[in-house]
Amino acid sequence: MSHARDETVADAPPILGNVPGSYALTVFRERHPALIRQVREALPYTPDRRRALDRLLDEVVRDVMEPLGPSAHDGAEWSEWGRDKIGRRWVDVPFLWAESYFYRKLLEATGYYGDGPWRGVDPFGPVKQAELTGSVVDGELAALDETAALPPGERAQALLLGSLWGNRADLSFTLTLSGDRERVSGLVVDDSALLWSLLRDRPPGRVCLVADNAGRELLPDLVLADHLLAEGLAREVVLHVKPAPYFVSDATPADVLACLRRLAVAPGRAGEAGGRLWHAMEEGRLAVRAHPFACAPLPYWDMPDDLREEFAAASLTVTKGDLNYRRLVGDRMWPPTTPFAAVTGYFPSPVVALRTLKSDALVGVPERTLAGLDATGRPWRTAGTHAMIQGRP
């Protein structure tokens, strides 16, 4: 397996935020300013932190990327990464890089890495905690009792689709129970048969599950991990999460533990799954990794050697969510019909991406499918209404 991307498909330009009407421009102009204001009000930040957040808001509105402060523990690293970027407009550098840098600066403003009382305090913690409580999650977890009654193949597919669709409203395991086929028909690409064959047609090995969001999306990810372990489809599951809170609701080790506790105290099948996962973690069959590269502003083809070796040791890597998909394909403006395998051939293990479409990065879509979706006139690439299960053996 090549350690680098396929140079024959390296000519696609990176997605930028300076295209009028684009999703990326909306993120910089609307989402980031609103997010700073939300973070500012979510916790009783002290005057110095509030001033730092106000400075970041001003920086975003002025549209000029400023360097990290001299005391930043990773300042040298970001200076190297941003050598030809910092000082320019946010919208004029690659979207993946600039968006990552925004979240790094947000953590700096909240004091997450500082020596003061806000060190290690997740600025998105209140949102994550709220999502794990309440009757909605109770209902979703209770649906596992019905899912357990399905024939084995249907049950496995229901759990996979629950993980795929994540925290969309009325998520989840009820997908194949309700007779509602809308979400199934929302699959732009469905390589689920490939995923199951990679798991069933060979001895159980290590499955790397690269998580995306915490809360209501991480719960079905964990339930899927339990299924793989309990059914002997995986010898071990390694859950890759962020070492620090990034991209609003991305999962950290603390979020994994919060979700495990939530499952463990649930009644019925959800609680049984939580108990099995708890023991699997104690036994080392469920492991959590938080590699620093998870918060780097780089595509996966730039991953360091130690992470490459971890993925290479896996029989299958499953990546969750839109951000991981963007990193997998380099967040470039590929022609959408470009084969997924051609773009991801560098990845050191078989890989399957589970992703709801929330950005413009897109490969591996048949021409006919593309034409049909484009003909609807709806923003199907960015609205989260469509999804993909896309793989490469």
Protein backbone atom coordinates (compact mmCIF):
# COMPACT_ATOMS: atom_id res chain seq x y z
CA MET A 1 0.00 0.00 0.00
CA SER A 2 1.35 3.40 -0.98
CA HIS A 3 2.22 5.82 1.81
CA ALA A 4 1.20 8.78 -0.31
CA ARG A 5 -1.85 9.86 -2.22
CA ASP A 6 -2.16 8.82 -5.84
CA GLU A 7 -0.41 11.58 -7.76
CA THR A 8 -2.56 10.87 -10.79
CA VAL A 9 -5.52 12.35 -8.91
CA ALA A 10 -3.64 15.14 -7.15
CA ASP A 11 -4.69 18.02 -9.36
CA ALA A 12 -8.06 18.87 -7.80
CA PRO A 13 -7.93 22.28 -6.12
CA PRO A 14 -8.62 22.58 -2.38
CA ILE A 15 -12.03 23.81 -1.30
CA LEU A 16 -11.83 27.49 -0.31
CA GLY A 17 -14.22 29.77 1.53
CA ASN A 18 -14.12 32.66 -0.93
CA VAL A 19 -16.66 31.33 -3.44
CA PRO A 20 -19.88 33.39 -3.31
CA GLY A 21 -22.84 31.31 -2.20
CA SER A 22 -20.67 28.39 -1.10
CA TYR A 23 -21.17 26.35 2.04
CA ALA A 24 -17.63 27.21 3.21
CA LEU A 25 -18.26 30.96 2.94
CA THR A 26 -21.41 30.56 5.03
CA VAL A 27 -19.37 28.83 7.73
CA PHE A 28 -16.93 31.75 7.98
CA ARG A 29 -19.48 34.55 7.63
CA GLU A 30 -22.32 33.15 9.73
CA ARG A 31 -21.52 30.00 11.66
CA HIS A 32 -18.22 30.98 13.26
CA PRO A 33 -19.38 34.39 14.59
CA ALA A 34 -22.56 32.80 15.95
CA LEU A 35 -20.57 30.00 17.56
CA ILE A 36 -18.25 32.41 19.37
CA ARG A 37 -21.28 34.19 20.82
CA GLN A 38 -22.84 30.89 21.89
CA VAL A 39 -19.64 29.71 23.58
CA ARG A 40 -19.33 33.08 25.34
CA GLU A 41 -22.74 32.62 26.94
CA ALA A 42 -22.60 28.86 27.61
CA LEU A 43 -20.32 29.16 30.65
CA PRO A 44 -19.65 31.99 33.13
CA TYR A 45 -16.34 32.93 31.59
CA THR A 46 -14.27 35.47 33.50
CA PRO A 47 -13.57 38.95 32.08
CA ASP A 48 -10.20 37.98 30.59
CA ARG A 49 -11.72 35.02 28.74
CA ARG A 50 -14.65 37.11 27.53
CA ARG A 51 -12.25 39.70 26.17
CA ALA A 52 -10.27 36.98 24.41
CA LEU A 53 -13.45 35.64 22.82
CA ASP A 54 -14.39 39.16 21.73
CA ARG A 55 -10.97 39.56 20.12
CA LEU A 56 -11.46 36.30 18.23
CA LEU A 57 -14.89 37.47 17.07
CA ASP A 58 -13.34 40.70 15.81
CA GLU A 59 -10.63 38.72 14.02
CA VAL A 60 -13.22 36.55 12.30
CA VAL A 61 -15.38 39.52 11.30
CA ARG A 62 -12.33 41.44 10.00
CA ASP A 63 -11.39 38.27 8.09
CA VAL A 64 -7.68 38.28 8.86
CA MET A 65 -6.01 35.26 10.51
CA GLU A 66 -3.77 36.31 13.38
CA PRO A 67 -1.05 34.05 14.85
CA LEU A 68 -1.45 32.20 18.12
CA GLY A 69 -0.03 33.95 21.15
CA PRO A 70 3.63 33.45 22.10
CA SER A 71 2.72 31.20 25.04
CA ALA A 72 0.77 28.67 22.94
CA HIS A 73 2.19 25.21 23.68
CA ASP A 74 1.90 24.20 20.02
CA GLY A 75 2.67 27.60 18.54
CA ALA A 76 5.74 26.43 16.63
CA GLU A 77 3.78 23.59 15.05
CA TRP A 78 0.96 25.87 13.91
CA SER A 79 3.47 28.44 12.63
CA GLU A 80 4.99 25.74 10.46
CA TRP A 81 1.61 24.49 9.24
CA GLY A 82 0.46 28.07 8.61
CA ARG A 83 3.64 29.43 7.07
CA ASP A 84 1.91 30.66 3.91
CA LYS A 85 -1.53 31.10 5.48
CA ILE A 86 -1.48 33.09 8.75
CA GLY A 87 -1.95 36.77 8.02
CA ARG A 88 -4.22 36.11 5.04
CA ARG A 89 -8.00 36.20 4.91
CA TRP A 90 -9.71 33.21 6.52
CA VAL A 91 -11.64 32.57 3.32
CA ASP A 92 -8.58 32.58 1.04
CA VAL A 93 -6.80 29.52 2.44
CA PRO A 94 -7.97 25.88 2.23
CA PHE A 95 -11.25 25.46 4.07
CA LEU A 96 -10.12 22.40 6.05
CA TRP A 97 -7.05 24.23 7.33
CA ALA A 98 -8.80 27.47 8.19
CA GLU A 99 -11.70 25.77 9.93
CA SER A 100 -9.30 23.71 12.04
CA TYR A 101 -7.32 26.83 12.94
CA PHE A 102 -10.52 28.58 14.01
CA TYR A 103 -11.26 25.84 16.54
CA ARG A 104 -7.69 25.89 17.80
CA LYS A 105 -7.99 29.65 18.35
CA LEU A 106 -11.34 29.19 20.06
CA LEU A 107 -9.74 26.84 22.58
CA GLU A 108 -6.99 29.41 23.10
CA ALA A 109 -9.55 32.13 23.77
CA THR A 110 -11.44 30.03 26.33
CA GLY A 111 -8.23 29.21 28.22
CA TYR A 112 -8.47 25.48 27.51
CA TYR A 113 -4.69 25.13 27.24
CA GLY A 114 -3.78 27.89 29.72
CA ASP A 115 -2.58 27.64 33.30
CA GLY A 116 -5.69 29.23 34.79
CA PRO A 117 -8.96 27.78 36.09
CA TRP A 118 -10.37 27.20 32.59
CA ARG A 119 -7.65 24.72 31.68
CA GLY A 120 -9.23 21.55 30.30
CA VAL A 121 -12.79 22.89 30.50
CA ASP A 122 -14.68 21.81 27.37
CA PRO A 123 -16.35 24.93 25.92
CA PHE A 124 -18.88 22.66 24.22
CA GLY A 125 -19.52 20.64 27.38
CA PRO A 126 -22.93 22.14 28.18
CA VAL A 127 -24.24 21.24 24.71
CA LYS A 128 -22.89 17.71 24.93
CA GLN A 129 -24.31 17.15 28.42
CA ALA A 130 -27.72 18.44 27.44
CA GLU A 131 -27.81 16.08 24.48
CA LEU A 132 -27.26 12.99 26.62
CA THR A 133 -30.13 13.69 28.98
CA GLY A 134 -33.86 13.70 28.49
CA SER A 135 -36.65 11.67 27.01
CA VAL A 136 -35.42 11.77 23.40
CA VAL A 137 -32.33 9.70 24.17
CA ASP A 138 -34.43 7.47 26.44
CA GLY A 139 -36.70 6.69 23.49
CA GLU A 140 -33.83 6.07 21.11
CA LEU A 141 -32.15 3.65 23.49
CA ALA A 142 -35.45 1.90 24.21
CA ALA A 143 -35.79 1.21 20.47
CA LEU A 144 -32.89 -1.22 20.83
CA ASP A 145 -35.29 -3.61 22.51
CA GLU A 146 -37.29 -3.82 19.27
CA THR A 147 -34.18 -3.96 17.11
CA ALA A 148 -33.09 -7.07 19.01
CA ALA A 149 -36.13 -8.92 17.64
CA LEU A 150 -35.15 -8.40 14.01
CA PRO A 151 -33.54 -11.19 11.93
CA PRO A 152 -29.74 -11.02 12.31
CA GLY A 153 -29.04 -9.43 8.93
CA GLU A 154 -31.71 -6.76 9.33
CA ARG A 155 -30.58 -6.06 12.87
CA ALA A 156 -26.98 -5.55 11.80
CA GLN A 157 -28.06 -3.23 9.01
CA ALA A 158 -30.31 -1.27 11.38
CA LEU A 159 -27.39 -0.72 13.77
CA LEU A 160 -25.15 0.35 10.87
CA LEU A 161 -27.74 2.83 9.62
CA GLY A 162 -28.23 4.13 13.15
CA SER A 163 -24.52 4.86 13.35
CA LEU A 164 -24.53 6.41 9.87
CA TRP A 165 -27.38 8.84 10.44
CA GLY A 166 -26.13 9.71 13.88
CA ASN A 167 -27.88 12.53 15.65
CA ARG A 168 -30.46 13.36 13.03
CA ALA A 169 -33.85 13.86 14.58
CA ASP A 170 -35.61 10.61 15.47
CA LEU A 171 -32.36 8.87 14.82
CA SER A 172 -31.37 5.58 14.74
CA PHE A 173 -32.33 2.12 15.56
CA THR A 174 -35.98 2.73 14.72
CA LEU A 175 -34.93 3.14 11.10
CA THR A 176 -35.97 -0.27 9.81
CA LEU A 177 -38.77 -0.68 12.35
CA SER A 178 -40.95 2.25 11.39
CA GLY A 179 -41.33 1.36 7.73
CA ASP A 180 -39.91 4.80 6.95
CA ARG A 181 -37.66 4.21 3.96
CA GLU A 182 -36.86 7.88 3.41
CA ARG A 183 -33.48 7.68 5.08
CA VAL A 184 -32.56 4.47 3.32
CA SER A 185 -33.44 6.08 -0.02
CA GLY A 186 -31.28 9.03 1.04
CA LEU A 187 -28.18 6.91 0.55
CA VAL A 188 -26.24 8.37 -2.37
CA VAL A 189 -23.77 5.45 -2.28
CA ASP A 190 -24.34 2.22 -0.35
CA ASP A 191 -21.29 0.00 0.06
CA SER A 192 -22.70 -1.68 3.16
CA ALA A 193 -22.35 -5.10 1.52
CA LEU A 194 -18.63 -4.45 1.18
CA LEU A 195 -18.37 -3.46 4.83
CA TRP A 196 -20.08 -6.64 6.02
CA SER A 197 -18.03 -8.83 3.67
CA LEU A 198 -14.79 -7.31 4.99
CA LEU A 199 -15.93 -8.30 8.49
CA ARG A 200 -17.56 -11.67 7.82
CA ASP A 201 -15.32 -13.23 5.19
CA ARG A 202 -12.12 -13.24 7.24
CA PRO A 203 -11.06 -14.04 10.81
CA PRO A 204 -12.03 -11.35 13.33
CA GLY A 205 -9.33 -8.70 13.67
CA ARG A 206 -8.90 -5.15 14.86
CA VAL A 207 -11.50 -2.65 13.69
CA CYS A 208 -10.60 1.02 13.99
CA LEU A 209 -13.67 3.22 14.37
CA VAL A 210 -12.77 6.87 13.86
CA ALA A 211 -15.54 8.72 15.70
CA ASP A 212 -17.06 12.06 14.87
CA ASN A 213 -19.60 13.65 17.20
CA ALA A 214 -20.22 12.99 20.89
CA GLY A 215 -23.63 12.62 22.48
CA ARG A 216 -26.48 11.20 20.46
CA GLU A 217 -24.19 10.24 17.59
CA LEU A 218 -21.58 8.47 19.71
CA LEU A 219 -24.20 6.29 21.42
CA PRO A 220 -25.11 4.38 18.22
CA ASP A 221 -21.40 4.20 17.33
CA LEU A 222 -20.80 2.42 20.62
CA VAL A 223 -23.78 0.15 20.06
CA LEU A 224 -22.34 -0.77 16.66
CA ALA A 225 -18.98 -1.48 18.31
CA ASP A 226 -20.75 -3.74 20.81
CA HIS A 227 -22.41 -5.61 17.94
CA LEU A 228 -19.08 -6.19 16.19
CA LEU A 229 -17.53 -7.54 19.41
CA ALA A 230 -20.53 -9.57 20.58
CA GLU A 231 -21.04 -11.22 17.18
CA GLY A 232 -17.36 -12.07 16.78
CA LEU A 233 -16.94 -9.80 13.77
CA ALA A 234 -14.08 -7.95 15.49
CA ARG A 235 -11.48 -9.24 17.93
CA GLU A 236 -11.07 -5.71 19.22
CA VAL A 237 -12.43 -2.27 18.43
CA VAL A 238 -10.18 0.78 18.69
CA LEU A 239 -12.21 3.96 18.97
CA HIS A 240 -10.27 6.98 17.69
CA VAL A 241 -11.42 10.30 19.14
CA LYS A 242 -10.08 13.85 19.49
CA PRO A 243 -7.57 14.59 22.27
CA ALA A 244 -9.24 18.01 22.76
CA PRO A 245 -12.72 19.38 22.01
CA TYR A 246 -12.88 20.44 18.38
CA PHE A 247 -15.60 21.24 15.86
CA VAL A 248 -18.31 21.90 18.47
CA SER A 249 -19.39 18.38 19.35
CA ASP A 250 -16.52 16.12 18.32
CA ALA A 251 -15.94 13.24 20.71
CA THR A 252 -13.10 13.21 23.26
CA PRO A 253 -12.15 10.45 25.72
CA ALA A 254 -14.31 12.13 28.37
CA ASP A 255 -17.28 12.00 25.98
CA VAL A 256 -16.72 8.28 25.40
CA LEU A 257 -16.87 7.67 29.14
CA ALA A 258 -20.00 9.82 29.49
CA CYS A 259 -21.72 7.80 26.77
CA LEU A 260 -20.60 4.50 28.30
CA ARG A 261 -22.10 5.58 31.63
CA ARG A 262 -25.30 6.63 29.85
CA LEU A 263 -25.60 3.23 28.20
CA ALA A 264 -24.68 1.29 31.32
CA VAL A 265 -27.52 2.77 33.38
CA ALA A 266 -30.14 2.42 30.63
CA PRO A 267 -32.79 -0.29 30.94
CA GLY A 268 -33.18 -3.18 28.53
CA ARG A 269 -30.91 -3.98 25.63
CA ALA A 270 -29.12 -0.64 25.77
CA GLY A 271 -28.01 -1.32 29.32
CA GLU A 272 -26.86 -4.81 28.35
CA ALA A 273 -24.77 -3.32 25.54
CA GLY A 274 -23.36 -0.76 27.98
CA GLY A 275 -22.38 -3.49 30.41
CA ARG A 276 -20.65 -5.52 27.71
CA LEU A 277 -18.76 -2.46 26.47
CA TRP A 278 -17.71 -1.56 30.01
CA HIS A 279 -16.19 -5.03 30.45
CA ALA A 280 -14.69 -4.94 26.95
CA MET A 281 -12.84 -1.77 27.88
CA GLU A 282 -11.64 -3.35 31.12
CA GLU A 283 -10.36 -6.35 29.13
CA GLY A 284 -8.74 -4.25 26.38
CA ARG A 285 -11.10 -5.42 23.61
CA LEU A 286 -12.49 -1.88 23.40
CA ALA A 287 -9.70 0.70 23.38
CA VAL A 288 -9.73 4.47 23.02
CA ARG A 289 -7.07 6.39 21.10
CA ALA A 290 -6.69 10.17 21.04
CA HIS A 291 -3.81 10.80 18.67
CA PRO A 292 -2.73 14.46 18.31
CA PHE A 293 -3.18 14.20 14.54
CA ALA A 294 -6.93 14.01 15.12
CA CYS A 295 -6.83 17.77 15.77
CA ALA A 296 -4.37 18.60 12.99
CA PRO A 297 -5.52 20.75 10.04
CA LEU A 298 -4.29 18.16 7.57
CA PRO A 299 -5.68 15.43 5.31
CA TYR A 300 -5.13 11.81 6.23
CA TRP A 301 -2.52 11.35 3.53
CA ASP A 302 -0.25 13.50 5.75
CA MET A 303 -0.71 11.27 8.82
CA PRO A 304 2.47 10.54 10.83
CA ASP A 305 4.12 7.14 10.70
CA ASP A 306 2.95 5.95 14.12
CA LEU A 307 -0.70 6.57 13.24
CA ARG A 308 -0.20 4.99 9.82
CA GLU A 309 1.12 1.88 11.57
CA GLU A 310 -1.92 1.76 13.83
CA PHE A 311 -4.31 1.87 10.89
CA ALA A 312 -2.17 -0.59 8.93
CA ALA A 313 -2.62 -3.12 11.75
CA ALA A 314 -6.42 -2.93 11.38
CA SER A 315 -8.45 -5.38 9.32
CA LEU A 316 -10.86 -2.50 8.67
CA THR A 317 -11.04 1.22 9.45
CA VAL A 318 -14.47 2.85 9.61
CA THR A 319 -14.50 6.65 9.56
CA LYS A 320 -17.53 8.49 10.83
CA GLY A 321 -18.88 11.85 9.82
CA ASP A 322 -18.30 14.68 7.41
CA LEU A 323 -15.01 16.02 8.79
CA ASN A 324 -13.32 12.63 8.65
CA TYR A 325 -14.58 12.23 5.08
CA ARG A 326 -13.14 15.61 4.15
CA ARG A 327 -9.78 14.62 5.61
CA LEU A 328 -9.93 11.25 3.88
CA VAL A 329 -10.38 12.80 0.41
CA GLY A 330 -8.25 15.89 1.12
CA ASP A 331 -11.19 18.36 1.12
CA ARG A 332 -10.67 19.05 -2.57
CA MET A 333 -12.98 19.85 -5.44
CA TRP A 334 -12.76 16.46 -7.09
CA PRO A 335 -15.04 15.71 -10.00
CA PRO A 336 -17.77 13.87 -8.06
CA THR A 337 -17.43 10.79 -10.27
CA THR A 338 -13.74 10.36 -9.30
CA PRO A 339 -13.49 6.83 -7.86
CA PHE A 340 -13.30 6.69 -4.07
CA ALA A 341 -10.56 4.05 -4.35
CA ALA A 342 -8.42 6.33 -6.52
CA VAL A 343 -8.47 9.08 -3.90
CA THR A 344 -8.08 6.85 -0.82
CA GLY A 345 -5.60 4.31 -2.18
CA TYR A 346 -2.95 5.72 0.16
CA PHE A 347 -4.89 4.66 3.28
CA PRO A 348 -3.05 1.75 4.94
CA SER A 349 -6.05 -0.50 5.61
CA PRO A 350 -9.39 -1.29 4.00
CA VAL A 351 -11.56 1.73 4.75
CA VAL A 352 -15.29 2.48 4.83
CA ALA A 353 -16.64 6.00 5.34
CA LEU A 354 -20.03 6.54 7.01
CA ARG A 355 -21.05 10.10 6.31
CA THR A 356 -24.07 12.36 6.15
CA LEU A 357 -23.38 15.02 3.52
CA LYS A 358 -22.78 18.41 5.12
CA SER A 359 -20.04 19.90 2.91
CA ASP A 360 -18.94 20.02 -0.72
CA ALA A 361 -16.26 17.30 -0.63
CA LEU A 362 -17.58 14.44 -2.77
CA VAL A 363 -16.19 11.52 -4.77
CA GLY A 364 -17.37 8.18 -6.08
CA VAL A 365 -20.92 9.14 -7.13
CA PRO A 366 -22.21 7.56 -10.36
CA GLU A 367 -23.07 10.05 -13.09
CA ARG A 368 -26.71 8.97 -13.22
CA THR A 369 -27.15 9.37 -9.46
CA LEU A 370 -25.48 12.77 -9.60
CA ALA A 371 -27.72 14.00 -12.41
CA GLY A 372 -30.85 12.87 -10.60
CA LEU A 373 -29.92 14.60 -7.36
CA ASP A 374 -28.79 17.80 -9.06
CA ALA A 375 -32.07 17.91 -10.97
CA THR A 376 -34.00 18.32 -7.71
CA GLY A 377 -32.56 21.80 -7.28
CA ARG A 378 -32.04 21.15 -3.56
CA PRO A 379 -28.71 21.59 -1.68
CA TRP A 380 -28.35 17.85 -1.19
CA ARG A 381 -24.56 18.01 -0.81
CA THR A 382 -24.61 20.17 2.32
CA ALA A 383 -28.02 19.86 3.98
CA GLY A 384 -27.47 16.60 5.87
CA THR A 385 -30.47 15.04 4.08
CA HIS A 386 -28.34 12.49 2.20
CA ALA A 387 -25.67 10.05 3.28
CA MET A 388 -23.04 7.64 2.00
CA ILE A 389 -21.59 4.30 2.99
CA GLN A 390 -18.50 4.34 0.81
CA GLY A 391 -15.66 1.84 0.93
CA ARG A 392 -12.45 0.50 -0.52
CA PRO A 393 -11.21 -3.04 0.26
